[in-house]
Amino acid sequence: MTTAFATEAVDGDARTGTLTTAHGPVRTPAFMPVGTHATVKALHPDEVLATGVDILLCNAYHLALRPGIDLIERAGGLHAFMGWDHPILTDSGGYQLVSLAEVATVDDDGAIFVSPYDGSRLRVTPEDAVGYQARLGADVLMCLDHPVAYGTAAEIAREATERTHRWAERCRAAHPGDGWLLFGIAQGGFDAVARRESARFVSGLDFDGVAIGGLAVGEPVETMLAMTEASVAELAADRARYFMGLGTDSELLAAIALGLDMFDCVVPTRLARNGTALTPGGRLSLRNAAAREDLGPIDPGCPCVACTGFTRAYLRHLFQSGEILAHRLVSLHNITHLARLMDGARSAIRDGRFAEFRAERDGRLLATPR
């Protein structure tokens, strides 16, 4: 398998590079906004591109249920369907085995999901998961895996990890070939030894990249970072490394320091819809009374349309009035904020000053009252 990832600079364990896809390069470290239903909520694709991100994440499980793989395929694939002619990574649906555990069942052959929309059943095998994503036309396809919730008994976590390994082998055999990248997913629950063993096994299957899954699901941050460190130590240096489901400044920088390259999370857009903006000093609630007469921008150093054109007072007014423009503007700001964080990390790694960059950013978070 041709290596699609190239490292350009390393500073400690942190690294910057490029993932080459059929729809263009992805600069790493990279944050991927989540467009579960083939859209980043409330935003036009051109607006998302203007924030500085290179790649989006969509969810093949949800898209298979609604509007259906057949329709998207007839529309010319996911890129044409959603108007985004840039890289797309699709999640296989494995995470839904945790988030929708009450309507999902698992056996060694695959998983059965009950649609939250109409109650219909969808059976997905590892081969199906790869095939659905390939038919969607995604650039980066994810293996079907079996994560577990924090607090799951060790024996159950072990069985899920072994199932993930068997499914990874089947997904690897179903790789659709040139034009698609296929990432494996390492699991291991919340045991460092199991994490290392899983990462070693999945990395040995020669995927285009490997994700660390099943973390950031409610465990303490210290546990998350310990499991991440155990996992990444066993991952191949010449392949992209993806941490699934991470989106806060300090945790992203900690993961980059450990050698991770790609991240996704719903945090920036979900917070935006709730009236919270991300800033270098921490989270800012625009619904608070303190913003009522504040005629400054969210972040004076941010080039986004929310910061260059509007005040905190105006944004609070929009939220108080129930105007959808509030969601749009703060979503654009929050995604821009994380894209700028990634750009700053890339520059710092190239300049050999990532530790200083991380310390300065973390210091601003600690120094600013919440």
Protein backbone atom coordinates (compact mmCIF):
# COMPACT_ATOMS: atom_id res chain seq x y z
CA MET A 1 0.00 0.00 0.00
CA THR A 2 1.42 3.38 -1.01
CA THR A 3 2.10 5.64 1.94
CA ALA A 4 -0.28 8.61 1.74
CA PHE A 5 1.20 10.47 4.71
CA ALA A 6 4.46 12.40 4.68
CA THR A 7 6.06 14.00 7.73
CA GLU A 8 7.59 17.41 7.08
CA ALA A 9 8.95 18.35 10.52
CA VAL A 10 9.19 16.86 14.01
CA ASP A 11 9.60 18.63 17.33
CA GLY A 12 9.84 16.17 20.20
CA ASP A 13 7.04 13.74 19.44
CA ALA A 14 4.88 16.42 17.82
CA ARG A 15 4.94 16.40 14.05
CA THR A 16 3.55 18.23 11.06
CA GLY A 17 2.97 16.75 7.65
CA THR A 18 0.56 16.15 4.79
CA LEU A 19 -2.02 13.46 4.12
CA THR A 20 -2.58 13.15 0.37
CA THR A 21 -6.14 12.29 -0.69
CA ALA A 22 -8.03 12.08 -3.98
CA HIS A 23 -9.60 15.48 -3.27
CA GLY A 24 -6.49 17.29 -2.18
CA PRO A 25 -3.93 17.51 0.62
CA VAL A 26 -4.70 17.69 4.32
CA ARG A 27 -2.21 19.67 6.39
CA THR A 28 -1.54 18.08 9.75
CA PRO A 29 -2.11 18.50 12.63
CA ALA A 30 -5.66 18.90 11.33
CA PHE A 31 -9.01 19.50 12.97
CA MET A 32 -12.03 18.12 11.09
CA PRO A 33 -15.40 19.83 11.66
CA VAL A 34 -18.20 17.30 11.96
CA GLY A 35 -20.87 17.22 9.27
CA THR A 36 -22.77 14.16 10.46
CA HIS A 37 -25.63 14.52 7.96
CA ALA A 38 -23.48 15.83 5.08
CA THR A 39 -23.48 19.38 6.39
CA VAL A 40 -21.74 21.36 9.08
CA LYS A 41 -24.82 22.64 10.86
CA ALA A 42 -26.11 25.99 9.54
CA LEU A 43 -23.05 26.66 7.36
CA HIS A 44 -22.48 26.86 3.61
CA PRO A 45 -19.52 24.73 2.44
CA ASP A 46 -17.68 27.82 1.15
CA GLU A 47 -17.98 29.39 4.60
CA VAL A 48 -16.50 26.28 6.19
CA LEU A 49 -13.61 26.29 3.73
CA ALA A 50 -12.91 29.95 4.54
CA THR A 51 -12.28 29.04 8.19
CA GLY A 52 -9.04 27.35 7.12
CA VAL A 53 -9.94 23.67 7.49
CA ASP A 54 -8.95 21.13 4.83
CA ILE A 55 -11.23 18.19 5.57
CA LEU A 56 -14.69 17.39 6.96
CA LEU A 57 -16.08 14.34 8.73
CA CYS A 58 -19.43 12.81 7.75
CA ASN A 59 -21.14 9.78 9.27
CA ALA A 60 -21.79 6.86 6.93
CA TYR A 61 -24.16 5.21 9.43
CA HIS A 62 -26.51 8.19 9.56
CA LEU A 63 -26.28 8.76 5.81
CA ALA A 64 -27.06 5.11 5.10
CA LEU A 65 -30.26 5.52 7.10
CA ARG A 66 -31.19 8.90 5.65
CA PRO A 67 -31.22 9.76 2.76
CA GLY A 68 -29.63 6.42 1.78
CA ILE A 69 -26.47 5.34 -0.02
CA ASP A 70 -28.28 4.76 -3.33
CA LEU A 71 -29.53 8.35 -3.57
CA ILE A 72 -26.15 9.87 -2.73
CA GLU A 73 -24.46 7.59 -5.25
CA ARG A 74 -26.93 8.65 -7.96
CA ALA A 75 -26.26 12.28 -7.08
CA GLY A 76 -22.60 11.78 -8.00
CA GLY A 77 -21.24 10.90 -4.58
CA LEU A 78 -20.98 12.70 -1.28
CA HIS A 79 -18.81 15.55 -2.53
CA ALA A 80 -21.29 16.53 -5.25
CA PHE A 81 -24.30 15.89 -3.01
CA MET A 82 -23.11 18.29 -0.28
CA GLY A 83 -21.23 20.78 -2.46
CA TRP A 84 -17.82 20.18 -0.86
CA ASP A 85 -15.05 19.44 -3.39
CA HIS A 86 -12.39 18.79 -0.77
CA PRO A 87 -11.34 15.84 1.40
CA ILE A 88 -13.99 13.96 3.38
CA LEU A 89 -13.50 11.30 6.06
CA THR A 90 -16.47 9.11 6.91
CA ASP A 91 -17.04 7.44 10.26
CA SER A 92 -18.21 3.84 9.92
CA GLY A 93 -20.78 3.88 12.72
CA GLY A 94 -18.71 2.05 15.32
CA TYR A 95 -19.10 4.90 17.79
CA GLN A 96 -22.86 4.45 17.63
CA LEU A 97 -22.36 1.10 19.35
CA VAL A 98 -21.68 3.24 22.43
CA SER A 99 -23.76 6.37 21.81
CA LEU A 100 -26.80 4.37 20.61
CA ALA A 101 -26.16 1.22 22.64
CA GLU A 102 -29.84 0.89 23.55
CA VAL A 103 -30.78 0.40 19.88
CA ALA A 104 -27.73 -1.56 18.68
CA THR A 105 -26.71 -5.19 19.01
CA VAL A 106 -23.39 -6.81 18.16
CA ASP A 107 -22.22 -10.28 17.22
CA ASP A 108 -18.99 -11.51 15.68
CA ASP A 109 -20.31 -11.05 12.14
CA GLY A 110 -21.33 -7.41 12.51
CA ALA A 111 -23.79 -5.01 14.13
CA ILE A 112 -27.52 -4.39 13.86
CA PHE A 113 -28.76 -0.84 14.33
CA VAL A 114 -32.35 0.25 14.85
CA SER A 115 -32.95 3.52 13.01
CA PRO A 116 -33.77 6.42 15.35
CA TYR A 117 -35.79 7.88 12.47
CA ASP A 118 -38.29 5.16 11.54
CA GLY A 119 -37.42 2.06 13.58
CA SER A 120 -36.08 0.11 10.61
CA ARG A 121 -33.13 -2.24 11.09
CA LEU A 122 -29.77 -1.89 9.40
CA ARG A 123 -27.27 -4.73 9.58
CA VAL A 124 -23.66 -3.69 8.98
CA THR A 125 -20.75 -6.09 8.59
CA PRO A 126 -17.13 -4.91 8.32
CA GLU A 127 -17.34 -5.45 4.57
CA ASP A 128 -20.56 -3.45 4.40
CA ALA A 129 -19.01 -0.58 6.33
CA VAL A 130 -16.12 -0.28 3.88
CA GLY A 131 -18.41 -0.74 0.87
CA TYR A 132 -20.91 1.91 2.00
CA GLN A 133 -18.18 4.47 2.53
CA ALA A 134 -16.57 3.70 -0.82
CA ARG A 135 -19.94 4.11 -2.57
CA LEU A 136 -20.38 7.46 -0.85
CA GLY A 137 -17.07 8.46 -2.44
CA ALA A 138 -15.34 9.48 0.79
CA ASP A 139 -11.58 10.00 0.63
CA VAL A 140 -10.78 8.40 4.00
CA LEU A 141 -12.78 5.33 5.04
CA MET A 142 -12.88 4.03 8.60
CA CYS A 143 -13.01 0.41 9.70
CA LEU A 144 -15.98 -0.86 11.65
CA ASP A 145 -14.87 -1.21 15.27
CA HIS A 146 -16.38 -2.04 18.66
CA PRO A 147 -15.60 0.61 21.30
CA VAL A 148 -16.85 0.34 24.88
CA ALA A 149 -18.09 2.88 27.40
CA TYR A 150 -15.92 4.06 30.27
CA GLY A 151 -16.44 1.76 33.24
CA THR A 152 -17.04 -1.36 31.13
CA ALA A 153 -15.78 -4.55 32.77
CA ALA A 154 -12.31 -5.62 31.65
CA GLU A 155 -13.52 -8.94 30.20
CA ILE A 156 -16.14 -7.24 28.04
CA ALA A 157 -13.60 -4.65 26.89
CA ARG A 158 -11.20 -7.46 25.95
CA GLU A 159 -13.87 -9.24 23.91
CA ALA A 160 -14.76 -5.99 22.12
CA THR A 161 -11.11 -5.34 21.31
CA GLU A 162 -10.62 -8.85 19.93
CA ARG A 163 -13.75 -8.37 17.82
CA THR A 164 -12.35 -5.05 16.59
CA HIS A 165 -9.19 -6.88 15.49
CA ARG A 166 -11.14 -9.53 13.57
CA TRP A 167 -13.24 -6.85 11.94
CA ALA A 168 -10.09 -4.88 11.06
CA GLU A 169 -8.70 -7.88 9.19
CA ARG A 170 -11.95 -8.20 7.24
CA CYS A 171 -12.04 -4.48 6.47
CA ARG A 172 -8.43 -4.61 5.28
CA ALA A 173 -9.32 -7.45 2.91
CA ALA A 174 -12.20 -5.32 1.58
CA HIS A 175 -10.03 -2.27 0.81
CA PRO A 176 -11.51 -0.83 -2.42
CA GLY A 177 -8.10 0.06 -3.88
CA ASP A 178 -6.52 3.20 -5.30
CA GLY A 179 -8.43 6.41 -4.77
CA TRP A 180 -9.54 5.53 -1.26
CA LEU A 181 -7.62 5.58 2.00
CA LEU A 182 -8.63 3.10 4.69
CA PHE A 183 -7.83 3.69 8.36
CA GLY A 184 -7.83 1.02 11.02
CA ILE A 185 -8.97 1.75 14.58
CA ALA A 186 -7.13 0.62 17.71
CA GLN A 187 -9.13 -0.03 20.87
CA GLY A 188 -8.15 -1.67 24.18
CA GLY A 189 -10.57 -0.19 26.65
CA PHE A 190 -8.92 1.61 29.56
CA ASP A 191 -5.97 -0.70 30.18
CA ALA A 192 -2.55 0.50 28.99
CA VAL A 193 -1.27 -2.99 28.15
CA ALA A 194 -4.38 -3.76 26.09
CA ARG A 195 -4.06 -0.39 24.38
CA ARG A 196 -0.48 -1.08 23.36
CA GLU A 197 -1.34 -4.56 22.11
CA SER A 198 -4.28 -3.32 20.07
CA ALA A 199 -2.31 -0.47 18.52
CA ARG A 200 0.49 -2.88 17.61
CA PHE A 201 -1.94 -5.35 16.04
CA VAL A 202 -3.89 -2.79 13.99
CA SER A 203 -0.75 -0.95 12.91
CA GLY A 204 0.63 -4.25 11.64
CA LEU A 205 -2.24 -4.62 9.17
CA ASP A 206 -0.72 -1.96 6.89
CA PHE A 207 -3.61 0.49 6.80
CA ASP A 208 -3.20 3.97 5.29
CA GLY A 209 -3.58 5.36 8.80
CA VAL A 210 -4.62 4.27 12.27
CA ALA A 211 -7.10 5.90 14.62
CA ILE A 212 -7.19 5.70 18.39
CA GLY A 213 -10.82 5.03 19.23
CA GLY A 214 -12.88 4.55 22.34
CA LEU A 215 -11.43 7.48 24.29
CA ALA A 216 -12.83 10.90 25.25
CA VAL A 217 -16.02 9.08 26.28
CA GLY A 218 -16.24 10.38 29.83
CA GLU A 219 -13.03 9.07 31.39
CA PRO A 220 -10.72 11.43 33.37
CA VAL A 221 -8.36 13.46 31.20
CA GLU A 222 -5.37 11.82 32.87
CA THR A 223 -6.68 8.38 31.91
CA MET A 224 -7.38 9.50 28.36
CA LEU A 225 -3.83 10.83 27.91
CA ALA A 226 -2.26 7.75 29.49
CA MET A 227 -4.20 5.46 27.13
CA THR A 228 -3.29 7.69 24.19
CA GLU A 229 0.41 7.60 25.06
CA ALA A 230 0.31 3.81 25.37
CA SER A 231 -1.38 3.52 21.98
CA VAL A 232 0.68 5.95 19.96
CA ALA A 233 3.93 4.32 21.03
CA GLU A 234 2.98 1.30 18.89
CA LEU A 235 1.79 3.14 15.77
CA ALA A 236 3.84 3.29 12.58
CA ALA A 237 5.66 6.59 12.12
CA ASP A 238 4.98 6.73 8.38
CA ARG A 239 1.17 6.60 8.65
CA ALA A 240 -1.37 9.19 9.74
CA ARG A 241 -2.54 8.95 13.36
CA TYR A 242 -6.07 10.03 14.19
CA PHE A 243 -7.61 10.64 17.62
CA MET A 244 -11.36 10.24 17.30
CA GLY A 245 -13.55 12.76 19.11
CA LEU A 246 -11.29 15.46 20.58
CA GLY A 247 -11.97 19.20 20.30
CA THR A 248 -10.81 21.35 23.24
CA ASP A 249 -7.66 23.47 23.03
CA SER A 250 -5.60 22.00 25.87
CA GLU A 251 -6.48 18.39 25.04
CA LEU A 252 -5.75 18.88 21.34
CA LEU A 253 -2.32 20.33 22.15
CA ALA A 254 -1.62 17.48 24.58
CA ALA A 255 -2.49 14.94 21.90
CA ILE A 256 -0.36 16.73 19.30
CA ALA A 257 2.55 16.64 21.77
CA LEU A 258 2.14 12.85 21.88
CA GLY A 259 2.39 12.57 18.08
CA LEU A 260 -1.24 12.61 16.87
CA ASP A 261 -2.12 14.16 13.51
CA MET A 262 -5.90 14.34 13.03
CA PHE A 263 -8.88 15.16 15.23
CA ASP A 264 -12.64 15.67 15.03
CA CYS A 265 -15.33 16.78 17.44
CA VAL A 266 -18.83 18.29 17.54
CA VAL A 267 -17.74 20.68 20.32
CA PRO A 268 -17.20 23.88 18.27
CA THR A 269 -20.62 23.84 16.59
CA ARG A 270 -22.52 22.42 19.56
CA LEU A 271 -21.11 25.08 21.86
CA ALA A 272 -21.92 27.74 19.28
CA ARG A 273 -25.57 26.75 19.18
CA ASN A 274 -25.63 27.11 22.96
CA GLY A 275 -24.12 30.60 22.87
CA THR A 276 -20.54 29.72 23.80
CA ALA A 277 -17.50 30.96 21.89
CA LEU A 278 -14.00 29.50 22.01
CA THR A 279 -11.23 32.02 22.71
CA PRO A 280 -7.52 31.78 23.53
CA GLY A 281 -8.50 32.54 27.13
CA GLY A 282 -11.16 29.84 27.35
CA ARG A 283 -14.89 29.58 26.75
CA LEU A 284 -16.95 32.77 26.57
CA SER A 285 -20.69 32.68 27.20
CA LEU A 286 -22.37 35.21 24.95
CA ARG A 287 -25.67 34.71 26.77
CA ASN A 288 -24.28 36.17 29.99
CA ALA A 289 -25.35 39.63 31.07
CA ALA A 290 -21.70 40.74 30.91
CA ALA A 291 -21.92 40.70 27.10
CA ARG A 292 -25.04 42.92 26.98
CA GLU A 293 -23.14 46.18 26.45
CA ASP A 294 -19.76 44.77 25.37
CA LEU A 295 -18.95 46.41 22.04
CA GLY A 296 -15.79 44.44 21.47
CA PRO A 297 -15.42 41.34 19.29
CA ILE A 298 -15.29 37.78 20.57
CA ASP A 299 -11.52 37.73 19.93
CA PRO A 300 -9.71 40.86 18.66
CA GLY A 301 -7.06 38.71 16.98
CA CYS A 302 -9.49 36.49 15.06
CA PRO A 303 -10.06 37.17 11.33
CA CYS A 304 -13.46 35.41 11.13
CA VAL A 305 -16.60 37.19 9.97
CA ALA A 306 -18.06 37.19 13.48
CA CYS A 307 -15.04 38.98 14.97
CA THR A 308 -14.39 41.42 12.13
CA GLY A 309 -17.99 42.49 11.66
CA PHE A 310 -19.91 42.14 14.93
CA THR A 311 -19.72 42.81 18.65
CA ARG A 312 -20.35 40.59 21.64
CA ALA A 313 -23.36 42.77 22.44
CA TYR A 314 -24.85 42.16 18.99
CA LEU A 315 -24.26 38.43 19.21
CA ARG A 316 -25.90 38.30 22.64
CA HIS A 317 -28.85 40.21 21.18
CA LEU A 318 -29.17 37.60 18.41
CA PHE A 319 -29.16 34.74 20.92
CA GLN A 320 -31.68 36.51 23.14
CA SER A 321 -33.89 37.06 20.10
CA GLY A 322 -33.64 33.48 18.87
CA GLU A 323 -32.02 34.48 15.57
CA ILE A 324 -30.33 31.72 13.56
CA LEU A 325 -27.58 34.15 12.51
CA ALA A 326 -26.17 33.81 16.03
CA HIS A 327 -25.60 30.07 15.50
CA ARG A 328 -23.99 30.66 12.13
CA LEU A 329 -21.61 33.40 13.22
CA VAL A 330 -20.40 31.71 16.39
CA SER A 331 -20.04 28.34 14.60
CA LEU A 332 -17.83 30.04 12.03
CA HIS A 333 -15.83 31.66 14.79
CA ASN A 334 -15.35 28.44 16.77
CA ILE A 335 -14.23 26.45 13.73
CA THR A 336 -11.89 29.28 12.74
CA HIS A 337 -10.50 29.28 16.28
CA LEU A 338 -9.57 25.58 16.08
CA ALA A 339 -8.26 25.91 12.52
CA ARG A 340 -5.98 28.72 13.72
CA LEU A 341 -4.88 26.59 16.67
CA MET A 342 -3.86 23.85 14.23
CA ASP A 343 -2.08 26.36 12.00
CA GLY A 344 -0.21 27.73 14.99
CA ALA A 345 0.78 24.22 16.05
CA ARG A 346 2.04 23.41 12.55
CA SER A 347 4.15 26.57 12.45
CA ALA A 348 5.52 25.98 15.94
CA ILE A 349 6.55 22.42 15.09
CA ARG A 350 8.32 23.58 11.93
CA ASP A 351 10.15 26.25 13.98
CA GLY A 352 11.08 23.81 16.76
CA ARG A 353 9.12 25.71 19.41
CA PHE A 354 6.03 23.58 19.93
CA ALA A 355 6.61 23.17 23.67
CA GLU A 356 6.72 26.96 24.06
CA PHE A 357 3.62 27.37 21.89
CA ARG A 358 1.71 24.82 23.95
CA ALA A 359 2.84 26.34 27.26
CA GLU A 360 1.81 29.82 26.14
CA ARG A 361 -1.63 28.67 25.01
CA ASP A 362 -2.22 26.62 28.14
CA GLY A 363 -1.03 29.55 30.24
CA ARG A 364 -3.60 31.84 28.68
CA LEU A 365 -6.33 29.33 29.49
CA LEU A 366 -5.23 29.09 33.12
CA ALA A 367 -4.79 32.86 33.54
CA THR A 368 -8.23 33.81 32.28
CA PRO A 369 -11.16 33.55 34.71
CA ARG A 370 -13.90 31.22 33.45
